[in-house]
Amino acid sequence: MKAEWEAMLSGIGFLKLSQRRRKQLTTLLLVSLGLHLIALGIFGGVVVMRALREEKTVFVAPPPMKTYEPRKLEHKVKVQKQQRSSSRPTMVPRLLAAKPTDFALPEIKANPKVVKTTFQPKFKAISGAGLGVGLGTGYGLGGFGAGVSAFNFFGIRGRGDRIAILMDVSVSMVHEEIGGIEGFERVKRRIEQVIDALSEAALFNVIVFAEAASAMDSQLVIASPANKTRAKLFIRPYNTPGNWGLTQGNLNPSKIGLPAGGGTTRLDLALTAAFEQEADTILIISDGLPRVRKPVTDAMRRTYEEMRQKWYEENRSRIEDWDRRYAGDPGEEVRIWVPPKPAQPARPPSNKPPREGEAPDMGSPARPAEPGHWITRRVYGNRPPRPAPPPMPDPGWWTLNDFAEHFRILHETYYIKKGKKLPVVHCIGYQIDEEGGNFLKGLARLYKGQYRRVSRVD
């Protein structure tokens, strides 16, 4: 028998291994066998315990069916017919408590007396027709903001009851580098999908911003089909030929917060309007950092006037010397030939968007040909310019700290002082640069929202 085992093991190469490898292989086999036995014992025990704990199925015989003798059944039918034809009320079965003492009310330790209050409403009986809870329009109580709507804003999912959608319509949104006009049209279609998906129980508004800002409505409105159509028609004309960007809007700078003196990508105006309308969810899409110019304050004007007066006192002699030497100089008249100009046909407005900060090309009317002619101009030679004080210093632009301070004042005014929760702000950076992306990311983090950069919209 031993020889047979050795022959078999030799056939599979076991005896050809070294003594150390055979010992390792034997130990591995024994450990594997032990683990299998332990696992078998555990699973077997579980099966046995489950079988012992299972309740046994008990079949209970149904109660015997009650039968009536033919004459008793006939009598019962007659009684039922007589009861139905009688004018007496039908007997209704009652539930009786077996132990009424179990349902005794607790003792009320109060002196039974008439309670008098300062508020005694008087009710006057009137007649007339009134509206029900739903007002007959299909919106009911939920139609006035009591419902919550889910949304999918360029991949950011959330829920809100009072939703404000803020959309950047500056001309940079249609530059060829970030998708051109077609790319912006896809952005608008995606916004329309967000609007269509809003629940009719929610409130919403759409606000656009560029060099100015405009809102669809002065307050949040019900997400009814009619208002959704209004919102989609509101955003469609922007950044189309002849309507590039937004230079004039219906939103003015707020008296609350930091003062502003113009700029580009006026997210501050749009976000201020959303705060004033007390939105609980704000959705923003933009392609750059907001540029808001600081205004010239009264303190800056006073400082400049003091500096200007001081400059005049220090340079009085230079000004008087210039006036003495050049004020009476009549200059010299020189004739200059202006060459002829050919006729120019009318040119229609350009269909291409302008660059950021440039005026749109509105075309030009037809211009007739102009013949060449002489003109006379007065030349003053190499006369130096009259000394003038330096201009007023540029107040500069808002920094990120200025934006943060402005928004802090707004949420304290419209939310914290009214006992409301701060709004959740979600931001989409559309082909945005690093500086603008960091701003939107910080804004979303400050208001417990999400930030996502989108390079292309399908």
Protein backbone atom coordinates (compact mmCIF):
# COMPACT_ATOMS: atom_id res chain seq x y z
CA MET A 1 0.00 0.00 0.00
CA LYS A 2 2.79 2.37 0.89
CA ALA A 3 4.50 1.58 -2.39
CA GLU A 4 1.33 2.38 -4.30
CA TRP A 5 1.02 5.77 -2.54
CA GLU A 6 4.64 6.55 -3.25
CA ALA A 7 4.20 5.64 -6.88
CA MET A 8 1.13 7.83 -7.16
CA LEU A 9 2.82 10.78 -5.42
CA SER A 10 5.86 10.32 -7.61
CA GLY A 11 3.60 10.48 -10.63
CA ILE A 12 2.28 13.87 -9.63
CA GLY A 13 5.77 15.08 -8.70
CA PHE A 14 5.32 15.31 -4.92
CA LEU A 15 8.33 13.14 -4.06
CA LYS A 16 10.45 15.02 -6.54
CA LEU A 17 10.18 18.13 -4.38
CA SER A 18 12.66 18.94 -1.68
CA GLN A 19 11.93 17.95 1.89
CA ARG A 20 11.32 21.63 2.87
CA ARG A 21 8.85 22.19 0.04
CA ARG A 22 7.04 18.94 0.81
CA LYS A 23 6.74 19.99 4.43
CA GLN A 24 5.32 23.38 3.41
CA LEU A 25 2.86 21.79 0.99
CA THR A 26 1.72 19.29 3.62
CA THR A 27 1.18 22.05 6.18
CA LEU A 28 -0.80 24.09 3.63
CA LEU A 29 -3.04 21.12 2.83
CA LEU A 30 -3.68 20.41 6.51
CA VAL A 31 -4.50 24.06 7.24
CA SER A 32 -6.86 24.19 4.24
CA LEU A 33 -8.58 21.02 5.40
CA GLY A 34 -8.95 22.44 8.90
CA LEU A 35 -10.46 25.69 7.61
CA HIS A 36 -12.94 23.78 5.47
CA LEU A 37 -13.99 21.70 8.48
CA ILE A 38 -14.44 24.82 10.63
CA ALA A 39 -16.51 26.54 7.93
CA LEU A 40 -18.61 23.42 7.50
CA GLY A 41 -19.23 23.33 11.23
CA ILE A 42 -20.23 27.02 11.37
CA PHE A 43 -22.63 26.89 8.41
CA GLY A 44 -24.03 23.60 9.57
CA GLY A 45 -24.70 25.05 13.00
CA VAL A 46 -26.44 28.06 11.47
CA VAL A 47 -28.70 25.80 9.40
CA VAL A 48 -29.54 23.65 12.42
CA MET A 49 -30.29 26.68 14.66
CA ARG A 50 -32.47 28.25 11.96
CA ALA A 51 -34.41 25.02 11.60
CA LEU A 52 -34.92 24.81 15.39
CA ARG A 53 -36.06 28.44 15.67
CA GLU A 54 -38.53 28.33 12.82
CA GLU A 55 -42.13 28.26 13.90
CA LYS A 56 -44.04 25.17 12.99
CA THR A 57 -47.00 25.61 10.74
CA VAL A 58 -50.21 24.82 12.55
CA PHE A 59 -53.33 24.20 10.60
CA VAL A 60 -56.52 25.16 12.44
CA ALA A 61 -59.74 23.72 11.26
CA PRO A 62 -62.28 26.43 10.34
CA PRO A 63 -65.41 26.69 12.48
CA PRO A 64 -68.33 24.70 11.25
CA MET A 65 -70.62 26.54 8.93
CA LYS A 66 -73.90 27.52 10.47
CA THR A 67 -76.82 26.12 8.60
CA TYR A 68 -80.46 26.86 8.95
CA GLU A 69 -83.30 24.52 8.74
CA PRO A 70 -85.59 25.29 5.81
CA ARG A 71 -88.42 26.78 7.94
CA LYS A 72 -86.05 28.91 10.07
CA LEU A 73 -84.34 30.23 6.93
CA GLU A 74 -87.68 31.13 5.37
CA HIS A 75 -88.74 32.94 8.55
CA LYS A 76 -85.48 34.92 8.65
CA VAL A 77 -85.92 36.07 5.03
CA LYS A 78 -89.45 37.26 5.75
CA VAL A 79 -88.28 39.23 8.78
CA GLN A 80 -85.55 40.94 6.75
CA LYS A 81 -88.01 41.95 4.01
CA GLN A 82 -90.38 43.33 6.62
CA GLN A 83 -87.62 45.36 8.23
CA ARG A 84 -86.55 46.84 4.89
CA SER A 85 -90.11 47.90 4.08
CA SER A 86 -90.64 49.43 7.52
CA SER A 87 -90.15 53.19 8.07
CA ARG A 88 -88.14 52.64 11.22
CA PRO A 89 -84.39 53.31 11.01
CA THR A 90 -82.14 50.42 10.32
CA MET A 91 -80.48 48.91 13.32
CA VAL A 92 -76.74 49.54 13.31
CA PRO A 93 -74.50 47.11 15.20
CA ARG A 94 -72.64 48.70 18.11
CA LEU A 95 -69.33 47.88 19.70
CA LEU A 96 -69.54 47.37 23.47
CA ALA A 97 -66.62 47.45 25.84
CA ALA A 98 -66.37 44.40 28.00
CA LYS A 99 -64.90 46.45 30.86
CA PRO A 100 -66.01 50.07 30.80
CA THR A 101 -63.79 50.79 33.80
CA ASP A 102 -60.72 50.26 31.64
CA PHE A 103 -61.62 53.35 29.65
CA ALA A 104 -62.08 55.74 32.55
CA LEU A 105 -60.76 59.24 31.88
CA PRO A 106 -57.93 60.57 34.05
CA GLU A 107 -58.73 62.92 36.86
CA ILE A 108 -58.68 66.59 35.82
CA LYS A 109 -57.34 68.77 38.60
CA ALA A 110 -58.79 72.12 37.59
CA ASN A 111 -61.33 74.48 39.01
CA PRO A 112 -64.28 74.46 36.62
CA LYS A 113 -64.96 78.08 35.99
CA VAL A 114 -65.49 80.38 33.05
CA VAL A 115 -62.21 81.44 31.44
CA LYS A 116 -62.22 85.03 30.29
CA THR A 117 -59.72 86.33 27.75
CA THR A 118 -59.02 89.73 26.31
CA PHE A 119 -59.69 88.42 22.82
CA GLN A 120 -63.37 87.70 22.27
CA PRO A 121 -63.98 87.34 18.54
CA LYS A 122 -67.35 88.36 17.25
CA PHE A 123 -68.78 86.42 14.38
CA LYS A 124 -71.34 87.87 12.07
CA ALA A 125 -73.46 85.63 9.95
CA ILE A 126 -73.16 86.41 6.29
CA SER A 127 -74.26 84.68 3.15
CA GLY A 128 -72.59 84.30 -0.18
CA ALA A 129 -70.39 82.01 -2.21
CA GLY A 130 -66.74 81.45 -1.27
CA LEU A 131 -63.70 79.91 -2.87
CA GLY A 132 -62.40 76.56 -1.75
CA VAL A 133 -58.89 75.84 -0.50
CA GLY A 134 -57.53 75.24 -3.99
CA LEU A 135 -59.01 78.43 -5.45
CA GLY A 136 -60.26 76.35 -8.37
CA THR A 137 -57.02 76.86 -10.32
CA GLY A 138 -55.43 73.49 -9.78
CA TYR A 139 -52.64 74.76 -7.52
CA GLY A 140 -54.28 74.52 -4.10
CA LEU A 141 -52.15 75.11 -1.02
CA GLY A 142 -49.04 73.73 -2.65
CA GLY A 143 -49.28 76.23 -5.48
CA PHE A 144 -48.21 79.01 -3.15
CA GLY A 145 -44.80 77.67 -2.24
CA ALA A 146 -45.65 74.84 0.17
CA GLY A 147 -44.14 72.21 -2.12
CA VAL A 148 -40.53 71.30 -2.81
CA SER A 149 -39.21 70.82 -6.34
CA ALA A 150 -36.29 68.65 -7.44
CA PHE A 151 -33.87 69.96 -10.08
CA ASN A 152 -30.86 68.84 -12.12
CA PHE A 153 -28.73 71.93 -12.79
CA PHE A 154 -25.99 70.86 -15.21
CA GLY A 155 -25.36 67.71 -13.14
CA ILE A 156 -25.90 69.31 -9.72
CA ARG A 157 -28.98 67.72 -8.18
CA GLY A 158 -30.96 69.19 -5.31
CA ARG A 159 -34.34 70.31 -4.04
CA GLY A 160 -35.81 73.72 -3.31
CA ASP A 161 -39.04 75.53 -2.64
CA ARG A 162 -38.09 79.09 -3.72
CA ILE A 163 -35.64 78.81 -6.63
CA ALA A 164 -33.80 81.68 -8.37
CA ILE A 165 -31.91 80.90 -11.61
CA LEU A 166 -29.09 83.39 -12.36
CA MET A 167 -27.72 83.28 -15.91
CA ASP A 168 -24.69 85.14 -17.29
CA VAL A 169 -25.52 86.68 -20.70
CA SER A 170 -22.32 88.72 -21.23
CA VAL A 171 -20.82 88.60 -24.74
CA SER A 172 -17.95 86.48 -23.45
CA MET A 173 -20.44 83.61 -23.16
CA VAL A 174 -20.64 83.45 -26.98
CA HIS A 175 -16.94 83.77 -27.81
CA GLU A 176 -15.65 81.14 -30.17
CA GLU A 177 -13.08 80.00 -27.61
CA ILE A 178 -15.81 78.58 -25.36
CA GLY A 179 -18.29 77.26 -27.90
CA GLY A 180 -19.60 80.32 -29.75
CA ILE A 181 -23.26 81.08 -30.35
CA GLU A 182 -24.19 77.40 -30.75
CA GLY A 183 -22.68 76.55 -27.40
CA PHE A 184 -24.61 79.33 -25.70
CA GLU A 185 -27.83 78.17 -27.36
CA ARG A 186 -27.26 74.74 -25.81
CA VAL A 187 -26.80 76.45 -22.45
CA LYS A 188 -30.16 78.20 -22.87
CA ARG A 189 -31.86 74.93 -23.84
CA ARG A 190 -30.47 73.29 -20.71
CA ILE A 191 -31.82 76.17 -18.60
CA GLU A 192 -35.21 75.68 -20.26
CA GLN A 193 -35.11 71.99 -19.28
CA VAL A 194 -34.44 73.01 -15.66
CA ILE A 195 -37.44 75.35 -15.82
CA ASP A 196 -39.71 72.71 -17.35
CA ALA A 197 -38.79 70.20 -14.65
CA LEU A 198 -39.78 72.50 -11.77
CA SER A 199 -42.77 71.33 -9.75
CA GLU A 200 -45.88 73.47 -10.07
CA ALA A 201 -45.92 73.65 -6.26
CA ALA A 202 -42.66 75.66 -6.20
CA LEU A 203 -41.85 79.35 -6.70
CA PHE A 204 -39.11 80.55 -9.06
CA ASN A 205 -37.62 83.46 -10.98
CA VAL A 206 -35.02 83.91 -13.73
CA ILE A 207 -32.42 86.70 -13.56
CA VAL A 208 -29.87 87.52 -16.29
CA PHE A 209 -26.75 89.63 -15.85
CA ALA A 210 -23.89 91.16 -17.86
CA GLU A 211 -22.96 94.86 -17.63
CA ALA A 212 -26.43 95.25 -16.09
CA ALA A 213 -29.03 92.82 -14.72
CA SER A 214 -32.71 92.10 -15.41
CA ALA A 215 -35.25 89.86 -13.69
CA MET A 216 -38.23 88.19 -15.34
CA ASP A 217 -40.42 89.33 -12.44
CA SER A 218 -40.06 91.55 -9.40
CA GLN A 219 -40.81 88.57 -7.14
CA LEU A 220 -40.83 84.79 -7.19
CA VAL A 221 -43.78 83.39 -9.12
CA ILE A 222 -45.60 80.05 -9.19
CA ALA A 223 -44.01 77.50 -11.52
CA SER A 224 -47.18 77.22 -13.59
CA PRO A 225 -47.04 76.32 -17.30
CA ALA A 226 -47.76 79.95 -18.22
CA ASN A 227 -44.92 81.29 -16.05
CA LYS A 228 -42.53 78.62 -17.34
CA THR A 229 -43.31 79.76 -20.89
CA ARG A 230 -42.68 83.38 -19.81
CA ALA A 231 -39.30 82.40 -18.40
CA LYS A 232 -38.21 80.59 -21.56
CA LEU A 233 -39.28 83.49 -23.77
CA PHE A 234 -37.44 85.83 -21.40
CA ILE A 235 -34.00 84.24 -21.92
CA ARG A 236 -34.22 83.32 -25.61
CA PRO A 237 -33.44 86.76 -27.16
CA TYR A 238 -30.15 87.27 -25.30
CA ASN A 239 -26.89 87.00 -27.26
CA THR A 240 -28.59 86.77 -30.62
CA PRO A 241 -27.68 88.96 -33.64
CA GLY A 242 -28.54 92.55 -32.79
CA ASN A 243 -28.99 91.82 -29.08
CA TRP A 244 -25.52 91.12 -27.71
CA GLY A 245 -24.95 91.21 -23.98
CA LEU A 246 -26.97 93.40 -21.61
CA THR A 247 -26.13 97.06 -21.01
CA GLN A 248 -29.42 98.23 -19.44
CA GLY A 249 -31.60 96.27 -17.05
CA ASN A 250 -34.49 96.62 -14.61
CA LEU A 251 -32.39 95.92 -11.49
CA ASN A 252 -30.69 98.80 -9.68
CA PRO A 253 -27.93 98.65 -7.05
CA SER A 254 -29.32 98.00 -3.60
CA LYS A 255 -29.07 100.57 -0.83
CA ILE A 256 -28.12 97.69 1.46
CA GLY A 257 -24.57 96.40 1.30
CA LEU A 258 -21.49 97.90 -0.31
CA PRO A 259 -21.95 100.63 -2.96
CA ALA A 260 -21.03 99.85 -6.56
CA GLY A 261 -20.26 102.06 -9.54
CA GLY A 262 -20.71 99.84 -12.60
CA GLY A 263 -18.64 97.07 -14.11
CA THR A 264 -19.03 93.86 -16.06
CA THR A 265 -20.47 90.43 -15.21
CA ARG A 266 -22.68 92.07 -12.57
CA LEU A 267 -23.36 88.96 -10.51
CA ASP A 268 -23.68 91.28 -7.51
CA LEU A 269 -26.89 92.82 -8.93
CA ALA A 270 -28.42 89.45 -9.80
CA LEU A 271 -27.50 87.86 -6.49
CA THR A 272 -28.76 90.89 -4.57
CA ALA A 273 -32.16 90.53 -6.29
CA ALA A 274 -32.28 86.82 -5.40
CA PHE A 275 -31.54 87.65 -1.75
CA GLU A 276 -34.19 90.40 -1.71
CA GLN A 277 -36.78 87.91 -3.03
CA GLU A 278 -35.72 85.52 -0.24
CA ALA A 279 -34.94 82.54 -2.44
CA ASP A 280 -33.93 79.39 -0.57
CA THR A 281 -32.04 77.93 -3.55
CA ILE A 282 -29.93 79.98 -5.98
CA LEU A 283 -28.54 78.44 -9.20
CA ILE A 284 -25.75 80.39 -10.96
CA ILE A 285 -23.99 79.84 -14.28
CA SER A 286 -21.20 82.21 -15.38
CA ASP A 287 -17.95 82.20 -17.32
CA GLY A 288 -15.84 84.68 -15.37
CA LEU A 289 -15.08 86.65 -12.27
CA PRO A 290 -17.53 89.52 -11.60
CA ARG A 291 -15.94 92.93 -12.18
CA VAL A 292 -17.57 95.58 -10.01
CA ARG A 293 -16.08 99.06 -9.82
CA LYS A 294 -15.93 100.90 -6.52
CA PRO A 295 -17.68 104.30 -6.62
CA VAL A 296 -16.08 107.61 -5.79
CA THR A 297 -17.13 108.39 -2.23
CA ASP A 298 -17.58 111.79 -0.58
CA ALA A 299 -14.49 111.16 1.51
CA MET A 300 -12.46 110.51 -1.66
CA ARG A 301 -13.77 113.75 -3.23
CA ARG A 302 -12.83 115.77 -0.15
CA THR A 303 -9.37 114.24 -0.11
CA TYR A 304 -8.92 114.97 -3.81
CA GLU A 305 -10.04 118.60 -3.44
CA GLU A 306 -7.54 119.13 -0.64
CA MET A 307 -4.79 117.60 -2.77
CA ARG A 308 -5.83 119.74 -5.77
CA GLN A 309 -5.72 122.98 -3.80
CA LYS A 310 -2.34 122.07 -2.44
CA TRP A 311 -1.06 121.36 -5.95
CA TYR A 312 -2.23 124.76 -7.23
CA GLU A 313 -0.44 126.51 -4.40
CA GLU A 314 2.77 124.61 -5.12
CA ASN A 315 2.61 125.21 -8.92
CA ARG A 316 1.21 128.72 -9.04
CA SER A 317 4.43 130.16 -10.53
CA ARG A 318 4.51 127.53 -13.34
CA ILE A 319 0.90 128.26 -14.28
CA GLU A 320 1.47 132.03 -14.32
CA ASP A 321 4.64 131.63 -16.43
CA TRP A 322 2.77 129.48 -19.01
CA ASP A 323 -0.09 131.96 -19.23
CA ARG A 324 2.38 134.83 -19.72
CA ARG A 325 4.25 133.09 -22.53
CA TYR A 326 1.53 131.20 -24.44
CA ALA A 327 -1.90 132.49 -23.49
CA GLY A 328 -1.83 135.29 -26.09
CA ASP A 329 -0.20 133.18 -28.84
CA PRO A 330 -2.69 133.11 -31.80
CA GLY A 331 -0.87 130.25 -33.47
CA GLU A 332 -0.44 129.79 -37.22
CA GLU A 333 -3.09 128.91 -39.80
CA VAL A 334 -2.18 125.98 -42.04
CA ARG A 335 -4.07 124.66 -45.09
CA ILE A 336 -4.48 120.91 -45.27
CA TRP A 337 -5.67 118.92 -48.31
CA VAL A 338 -8.36 116.31 -47.64
CA PRO A 339 -8.40 113.63 -50.40
CA PRO A 340 -11.71 112.59 -52.01
CA LYS A 341 -13.70 109.68 -50.58
CA PRO A 342 -15.65 107.20 -52.72
CA ALA A 343 -19.29 106.40 -52.07
CA GLN A 344 -19.98 103.74 -49.44
CA PRO A 345 -23.04 101.47 -49.60
CA ALA A 346 -25.09 100.76 -46.49
CA ARG A 347 -23.62 98.03 -44.27
CA PRO A 348 -25.95 95.85 -42.15
CA PRO A 349 -25.18 95.07 -38.52
CA SER A 350 -22.65 92.32 -37.94
CA ASN A 351 -23.88 88.89 -36.90
CA LYS A 352 -20.68 88.25 -34.96
CA PRO A 353 -20.57 89.02 -31.25
CA PRO A 354 -18.25 91.86 -30.17
CA ARG A 355 -15.32 91.40 -27.85
CA GLU A 356 -15.72 92.00 -24.14
CA GLY A 357 -15.94 95.74 -23.45
CA GLU A 358 -16.42 96.71 -27.12
CA ALA A 359 -19.57 98.22 -28.58
CA PRO A 360 -21.48 95.95 -30.97
CA ASP A 361 -21.11 96.59 -34.69
CA MET A 362 -24.47 98.11 -35.62
CA GLY A 363 -23.52 98.67 -39.28
CA SER A 364 -23.50 102.01 -41.08
CA PRO A 365 -25.85 103.89 -43.44
CA ALA A 366 -25.06 104.61 -47.07
CA ARG A 367 -22.62 107.48 -47.61
CA PRO A 368 -22.27 109.46 -50.85
CA ALA A 369 -18.94 110.25 -52.47
CA GLU A 370 -17.03 113.27 -51.16
CA PRO A 371 -14.75 115.34 -53.43
CA GLY A 372 -11.33 116.43 -52.28
CA HIS A 373 -11.09 119.80 -50.56
CA TRP A 374 -8.85 122.13 -48.54
CA ILE A 375 -9.36 122.86 -44.85
CA THR A 376 -7.70 125.42 -42.61
CA ARG A 377 -6.44 124.54 -39.14
CA ARG A 378 -4.64 126.54 -36.49
CA VAL A 379 -1.33 125.06 -35.40
CA TYR A 380 0.45 126.20 -32.23
CA GLY A 381 3.83 124.67 -33.00
CA ASN A 382 5.68 122.98 -30.14
CA ARG A 383 3.80 124.78 -27.37
CA PRO A 384 3.79 122.63 -24.24
CA PRO A 385 0.43 121.84 -22.57
CA ARG A 386 -0.75 124.07 -19.76
CA PRO A 387 0.13 122.61 -16.32
CA ALA A 388 -2.85 120.75 -14.81
CA PRO A 389 -3.34 118.90 -11.53
CA PRO A 390 -3.31 115.09 -11.56
CA PRO A 391 -6.71 113.43 -12.10
CA MET A 392 -8.69 111.87 -9.30
CA PRO A 393 -7.31 108.45 -8.34
CA ASP A 394 -9.18 105.42 -9.64
CA PRO A 395 -11.14 103.86 -6.74
CA GLY A 396 -10.44 100.40 -8.15
CA TRP A 397 -12.47 97.21 -8.27
CA TRP A 398 -14.17 95.06 -5.67
CA THR A 399 -11.94 92.39 -4.22
CA LEU A 400 -13.10 88.95 -3.13
CA ASN A 401 -13.29 90.30 0.42
CA ASP A 402 -15.62 93.08 -0.79
CA PHE A 403 -17.91 90.53 -2.43
CA ALA A 404 -17.95 88.43 0.75
CA GLU A 405 -18.76 91.47 2.90
CA HIS A 406 -21.56 92.57 0.55
CA PHE A 407 -23.20 89.13 0.58
CA ARG A 408 -22.80 88.88 4.35
CA ILE A 409 -24.76 92.10 4.84
CA LEU A 410 -27.47 90.85 2.47
CA HIS A 411 -28.01 87.48 4.14
CA GLU A 412 -28.04 89.05 7.58
CA THR A 413 -30.69 91.54 6.44
CA TYR A 414 -33.00 89.21 4.51
CA TYR A 415 -32.48 85.88 6.28
CA ILE A 416 -30.87 85.95 9.72
CA LYS A 417 -32.89 88.92 11.03
CA LYS A 418 -36.09 87.24 9.81
CA GLY A 419 -35.23 83.89 11.34
CA LYS A 420 -34.83 82.14 7.99
CA LYS A 421 -32.19 79.69 6.91
CA LEU A 422 -29.48 80.92 4.58
CA PRO A 423 -30.01 80.07 0.91
CA VAL A 424 -28.13 77.23 -0.74
CA VAL A 425 -26.05 78.51 -3.68
CA HIS A 426 -24.99 76.13 -6.47
CA CYS A 427 -22.52 77.44 -9.08
CA ILE A 428 -21.62 76.29 -12.60
CA GLY A 429 -18.42 77.63 -14.17
CA TYR A 430 -18.92 77.54 -17.95
CA GLN A 431 -15.44 77.35 -19.50
CA ILE A 432 -14.36 79.56 -16.62
CA ASP A 433 -10.78 80.58 -15.84
CA GLU A 434 -9.02 79.74 -12.61
CA GLU A 435 -9.68 83.07 -10.88
CA GLY A 436 -13.39 83.03 -11.69
CA GLY A 437 -13.66 79.36 -10.79
CA ASN A 438 -12.10 79.98 -7.38
CA PHE A 439 -14.61 82.77 -6.77
CA LEU A 440 -17.65 80.61 -7.63
CA LYS A 441 -16.22 77.68 -5.70
CA GLY A 442 -15.77 79.86 -2.61
CA LEU A 443 -19.29 81.28 -3.00
CA ALA A 444 -20.81 77.79 -3.20
CA ARG A 445 -18.79 76.63 -0.19
CA LEU A 446 -19.91 79.67 1.83
CA TYR A 447 -23.58 78.86 1.23
CA LYS A 448 -23.41 75.06 1.57
CA GLY A 449 -23.81 74.48 -2.18
CA GLN A 450 -21.92 72.66 -4.90
CA TYR A 451 -19.56 73.90 -7.62
CA ARG A 452 -18.91 72.28 -10.97
CA ARG A 453 -16.89 73.40 -13.98
CA VAL A 454 -18.49 72.62 -17.33
CA SER A 455 -16.34 72.71 -20.44
CA ARG A 456 -19.04 71.72 -22.93
CA VAL A 457 -22.81 71.47 -22.94
CA ASP A 458 -24.36 68.81 -25.19
